[in-house]
Amino acid sequence: MESFAYTDLGKIPYTAALEIQTRAFNALLEEKAGGRRGVNNLFFCEHEPVFTLGKNAAESNLLVAGEWLSKQGIALYHTNRGGDITYHGPGQITGYPVFDLDCWQMGLKQYVHTLEEIVIRFLALYGIEAGRLQGATGVWIEPQTRRERKICAIGLKSSRYVTMHGFALNINTNLANYSYINPCGFKDKGVTSLEKETAAPQDIEKSEQQLLHLFREAFPSL
C-alpha cells in the first residue's frame, strides 16, 4: 500500500491549489482526531505568477507596489505558512505534502531535513552538488560561499504533526521576477534554477517523476 496519494494539479492558480490542500489538511486532522489513519497526499503543481508572504513576512521585502505587480500579471497573497516572501510561477515545481508525520514517527525538524535531502538528491541526478545553509531553510548551491544561491524554498504550516504547504523548486523559472523582492527576506543572496545551473531548459515532467520517486523512497509504504 502506498504511503501517500499523488496528484499532479498541473498549472493552477495559487488560491485554487491552497483550497485543495486545505481540504486535504482538514480531512487528515479530522481523521487523526477520531483515532483513524487518514489519507496522506502529495500535490505537485505549477502556479501562475504570484508572490506569497508568510505569516511573519516583512512587507518591506516586497520592493515594488502592488498596483505595478497587477499590471505585470503577478498576484500577491498573504498566506498562513511560515517563512517570508517568495515567488511561484511557471517552470517551477511547487510541492505540497499534506502528511501526518506520525505515520513515519517523524518530527518537524526531521521533516524539513528530509524535504531538503530529497531536493539535494534530485539535483545530484543532474551532477549538481547542493547543500544546506545554516540558519536558512531550503536548498542552496555553493552554500557558505560568496556565490551562494537558493534553488529551492521551503515554508510550512503544521498542526498536531499534520503538514501543509511545502517547497518551491526552480526548474525553468523566470528568475527576473525575484528582482522585485528580497527572496525569503535575504538581501545579499542570489537565486538560481536547474535551467541556469545546467545551461539548458529541462523537462519539467521528467523532473516531477524523479522527485516523486525520491519522495516514495523517503516516505515509504506504511
Protein backbone atom coordinates (compact mmCIF):
# COMPACT_ATOMS: atom_id res chain seq x y z
CA MET A 1 0.00 0.00 0.00
CA GLU A 2 1.38 3.41 -0.99
CA SER A 3 2.11 5.70 1.92
CA PHE A 4 0.54 8.69 0.17
CA ALA A 5 -1.70 9.55 -2.77
CA TYR A 6 -0.06 11.60 -5.52
CA THR A 7 -1.86 14.20 -7.64
CA ASP A 8 -0.39 16.36 -10.40
CA LEU A 9 -2.51 19.52 -10.32
CA GLY A 10 -0.86 20.90 -13.47
CA LYS A 11 -0.84 24.67 -13.92
CA ILE A 12 -3.19 26.14 -11.35
CA PRO A 13 -3.77 29.49 -9.60
CA TYR A 14 -2.32 29.72 -6.11
CA THR A 15 -5.70 30.15 -4.42
CA ALA A 16 -7.16 27.07 -6.13
CA ALA A 17 -4.23 24.91 -5.00
CA LEU A 18 -4.47 26.36 -1.50
CA GLU A 19 -8.13 25.35 -1.31
CA ILE A 20 -7.32 21.79 -2.42
CA GLN A 21 -4.53 21.28 0.08
CA THR A 22 -6.52 22.93 2.89
CA ARG A 23 -9.36 20.45 2.37
CA ALA A 24 -6.88 17.57 2.48
CA PHE A 25 -5.21 19.04 5.57
CA ASN A 26 -8.50 19.45 7.46
CA ALA A 27 -9.65 15.94 6.48
CA LEU A 28 -6.40 14.44 7.74
CA LEU A 29 -6.71 16.34 11.04
CA GLU A 30 -10.31 15.19 11.44
CA GLU A 31 -9.38 11.54 10.91
CA LYS A 32 -6.49 11.85 13.33
CA ALA A 33 -8.72 13.42 15.99
CA GLY A 34 -11.01 10.41 15.66
CA GLY A 35 -8.15 7.96 16.13
CA ARG A 36 -8.18 6.92 12.48
CA ARG A 37 -5.48 6.99 9.83
CA GLY A 38 -6.41 9.38 7.07
CA VAL A 39 -5.04 9.78 3.56
CA ASN A 40 -1.67 11.45 3.12
CA ASN A 41 -1.49 13.48 -0.07
CA LEU A 42 1.33 14.83 -2.20
CA PHE A 43 0.38 17.53 -4.69
CA PHE A 44 2.70 18.87 -7.40
CA CYS A 45 1.80 21.90 -9.49
CA GLU A 46 2.98 24.96 -11.37
CA HIS A 47 1.44 28.26 -10.36
CA GLU A 48 0.55 31.29 -12.36
CA PRO A 49 2.95 34.13 -11.36
CA VAL A 50 2.40 35.04 -7.71
CA PHE A 51 4.27 36.37 -4.69
CA THR A 52 3.23 34.89 -1.35
CA LEU A 53 4.05 36.32 2.05
CA GLY A 54 4.31 34.03 5.05
CA LYS A 55 2.63 34.89 8.31
CA ASN A 56 5.76 36.56 9.68
CA ALA A 57 6.89 38.17 6.43
CA ALA A 58 8.15 41.75 6.39
CA GLU A 59 6.21 43.91 3.93
CA SER A 60 9.45 45.77 3.18
CA ASN A 61 10.75 42.68 1.37
CA LEU A 62 8.34 43.43 -1.45
CA LEU A 63 10.27 46.03 -3.44
CA VAL A 64 7.52 47.21 -5.81
CA ALA A 65 3.97 48.48 -5.43
CA GLY A 66 1.01 46.11 -5.58
CA GLU A 67 -0.56 48.11 -8.41
CA TRP A 68 2.58 47.72 -10.50
CA LEU A 69 2.56 43.97 -9.87
CA SER A 70 -1.03 43.72 -11.09
CA LYS A 71 -0.06 45.41 -14.34
CA GLN A 72 2.66 42.79 -14.80
CA GLY A 73 0.15 39.99 -14.25
CA ILE A 74 1.68 38.93 -10.92
CA ALA A 75 -0.66 38.26 -8.00
CA LEU A 76 0.12 38.90 -4.33
CA TYR A 77 -1.22 36.89 -1.38
CA HIS A 78 -0.70 36.71 2.34
CA THR A 79 -0.77 33.09 3.42
CA ASN A 80 -0.56 31.02 6.59
CA ARG A 81 2.74 29.23 6.06
CA GLY A 82 5.96 30.02 7.85
CA GLY A 83 8.77 31.92 6.16
CA ASP A 84 8.98 35.27 4.43
CA ILE A 85 8.18 36.27 0.84
CA THR A 86 8.75 34.02 -2.15
CA TYR A 87 7.81 33.72 -5.81
CA HIS A 88 5.85 30.99 -7.60
CA GLY A 89 5.40 30.77 -11.34
CA PRO A 90 5.59 28.67 -14.50
CA GLY A 91 8.64 26.48 -14.79
CA GLN A 92 8.77 25.92 -11.03
CA ILE A 93 7.69 22.72 -9.29
CA THR A 94 5.69 23.62 -6.20
CA GLY A 95 5.13 20.62 -3.96
CA TYR A 96 2.52 20.38 -1.23
CA PRO A 97 2.92 17.29 1.00
CA VAL A 98 -0.13 17.06 3.24
CA PHE A 99 1.29 14.42 5.55
CA ASP A 100 0.65 13.10 9.04
CA LEU A 101 4.25 12.85 10.19
CA ASP A 102 3.28 10.45 12.98
CA CYS A 103 2.84 7.83 10.25
CA TRP A 104 6.63 7.82 9.90
CA GLN A 105 7.39 8.72 13.53
CA MET A 106 8.97 11.91 12.24
CA GLY A 107 9.29 15.29 13.94
CA LEU A 108 9.09 18.65 12.19
CA LYS A 109 12.84 19.29 12.22
CA GLN A 110 13.50 15.88 10.68
CA TYR A 111 10.73 16.50 8.14
CA VAL A 112 12.31 19.74 6.92
CA HIS A 113 15.67 17.97 6.74
CA THR A 114 14.05 15.20 4.70
CA LEU A 115 12.50 17.65 2.22
CA GLU A 116 15.88 19.29 1.79
CA GLU A 117 17.54 15.89 1.32
CA ILE A 118 15.05 14.92 -1.41
CA VAL A 119 15.92 18.06 -3.37
CA ILE A 120 19.66 17.60 -2.78
CA ARG A 121 19.42 14.06 -4.15
CA PHE A 122 17.32 15.26 -7.08
CA LEU A 123 19.94 17.83 -8.06
CA ALA A 124 22.67 15.21 -7.80
CA LEU A 125 20.94 13.40 -10.69
CA TYR A 126 22.00 16.38 -12.82
CA GLY A 127 25.53 16.46 -11.48
CA ILE A 128 24.80 19.44 -9.23
CA GLU A 129 26.20 19.46 -5.71
CA ALA A 130 23.82 21.27 -3.37
CA GLY A 131 23.50 21.63 0.37
CA ARG A 132 22.13 23.49 3.35
CA LEU A 133 22.91 26.95 4.65
CA GLN A 134 22.94 27.35 8.42
CA GLY A 135 20.01 29.46 9.60
CA ALA A 136 18.36 29.46 6.17
CA THR A 137 15.84 26.72 5.43
CA GLY A 138 15.89 25.41 1.87
CA VAL A 139 18.45 24.10 -0.61
CA TRP A 140 21.42 26.10 -1.83
CA ILE A 141 24.12 25.85 -4.48
CA GLU A 142 27.61 26.61 -3.18
CA PRO A 143 26.44 27.31 0.38
CA GLN A 144 28.83 29.07 2.75
CA THR A 145 30.49 30.95 -0.13
CA ARG A 146 30.03 34.39 -1.65
CA ARG A 147 28.38 32.68 -4.62
CA GLU A 148 25.64 31.00 -2.57
CA ARG A 149 22.31 30.92 -4.41
CA LYS A 150 18.98 29.39 -3.49
CA ILE A 151 17.32 26.90 -5.80
CA CYS A 152 14.55 25.62 -3.51
CA ALA A 153 12.49 27.43 -0.86
CA ILE A 154 10.60 25.64 1.93
CA GLY A 155 7.72 27.03 4.00
CA LEU A 156 5.31 25.02 6.13
CA LYS A 157 2.28 25.01 8.36
CA SER A 158 1.64 22.20 10.82
CA SER A 159 -0.91 21.18 13.42
CA ARG A 160 -0.58 18.05 15.55
CA TYR A 161 2.22 16.95 13.20
CA VAL A 162 -0.02 17.23 10.15
CA THR A 163 1.64 19.40 7.50
CA MET A 164 0.64 21.59 4.58
CA HIS A 165 2.40 23.98 2.20
CA GLY A 166 5.85 22.71 1.23
CA PHE A 167 8.59 23.54 -1.26
CA ALA A 168 9.19 25.56 -4.44
CA LEU A 169 11.94 24.19 -6.70
CA ASN A 170 13.13 26.31 -9.61
CA ILE A 171 13.42 24.28 -12.81
CA ASN A 172 12.89 26.65 -15.77
CA THR A 173 11.69 29.56 -13.63
CA ASN A 174 11.82 33.18 -14.82
CA LEU A 175 14.40 34.38 -12.31
CA ALA A 176 13.90 38.04 -13.27
CA ASN A 177 10.78 38.11 -11.09
CA TYR A 178 12.91 37.62 -7.99
CA SER A 179 14.34 41.11 -8.54
CA TYR A 180 11.05 42.53 -7.25
CA ILE A 181 11.53 41.02 -3.78
CA ASN A 182 14.12 40.16 -1.17
CA PRO A 183 13.67 36.39 -1.63
CA CYS A 184 12.85 34.73 1.69
CA GLY A 185 13.91 38.01 3.31
CA PHE A 186 17.55 37.85 2.14
CA LYS A 187 19.09 40.98 0.63
CA ASP A 188 22.56 39.60 -0.10
CA LYS A 189 21.96 36.13 -1.57
CA GLY A 190 21.11 35.02 -5.09
CA VAL A 191 18.58 32.65 -6.59
CA THR A 192 19.03 30.14 -9.36
CA SER A 193 17.29 27.39 -11.31
CA LEU A 194 18.09 23.98 -12.75
CA GLU A 195 17.98 25.54 -16.21
CA LYS A 196 20.55 28.17 -15.23
CA GLU A 197 22.85 25.70 -13.49
CA THR A 198 22.83 23.25 -16.42
CA ALA A 199 22.75 25.97 -19.13
CA ALA A 200 19.80 24.19 -20.78
CA PRO A 201 16.00 24.08 -20.40
CA GLN A 202 14.83 20.96 -18.57
CA ASP A 203 11.85 18.62 -18.94
CA ILE A 204 9.64 19.56 -16.01
CA GLU A 205 7.50 16.41 -16.26
CA LYS A 206 10.64 14.27 -16.03
CA SER A 207 11.73 16.33 -13.02
CA GLU A 208 8.38 15.73 -11.32
CA GLN A 209 8.68 11.98 -11.81
CA GLN A 210 12.21 11.99 -10.42
CA LEU A 211 11.05 13.92 -7.36
CA LEU A 212 8.07 11.61 -6.90
CA HIS A 213 10.38 8.58 -6.88
CA LEU A 214 12.57 10.23 -4.24
CA PHE A 215 9.50 11.07 -2.13
CA ARG A 216 8.43 7.43 -2.24
CA GLU A 217 11.86 6.37 -1.02
CA ALA A 218 11.90 8.98 1.78
CA PHE A 219 8.31 8.29 2.89
CA PRO A 220 7.95 4.52 2.39
CA SER A 221 4.81 2.43 2.49
CA LEU A 222 3.19 2.13 5.90
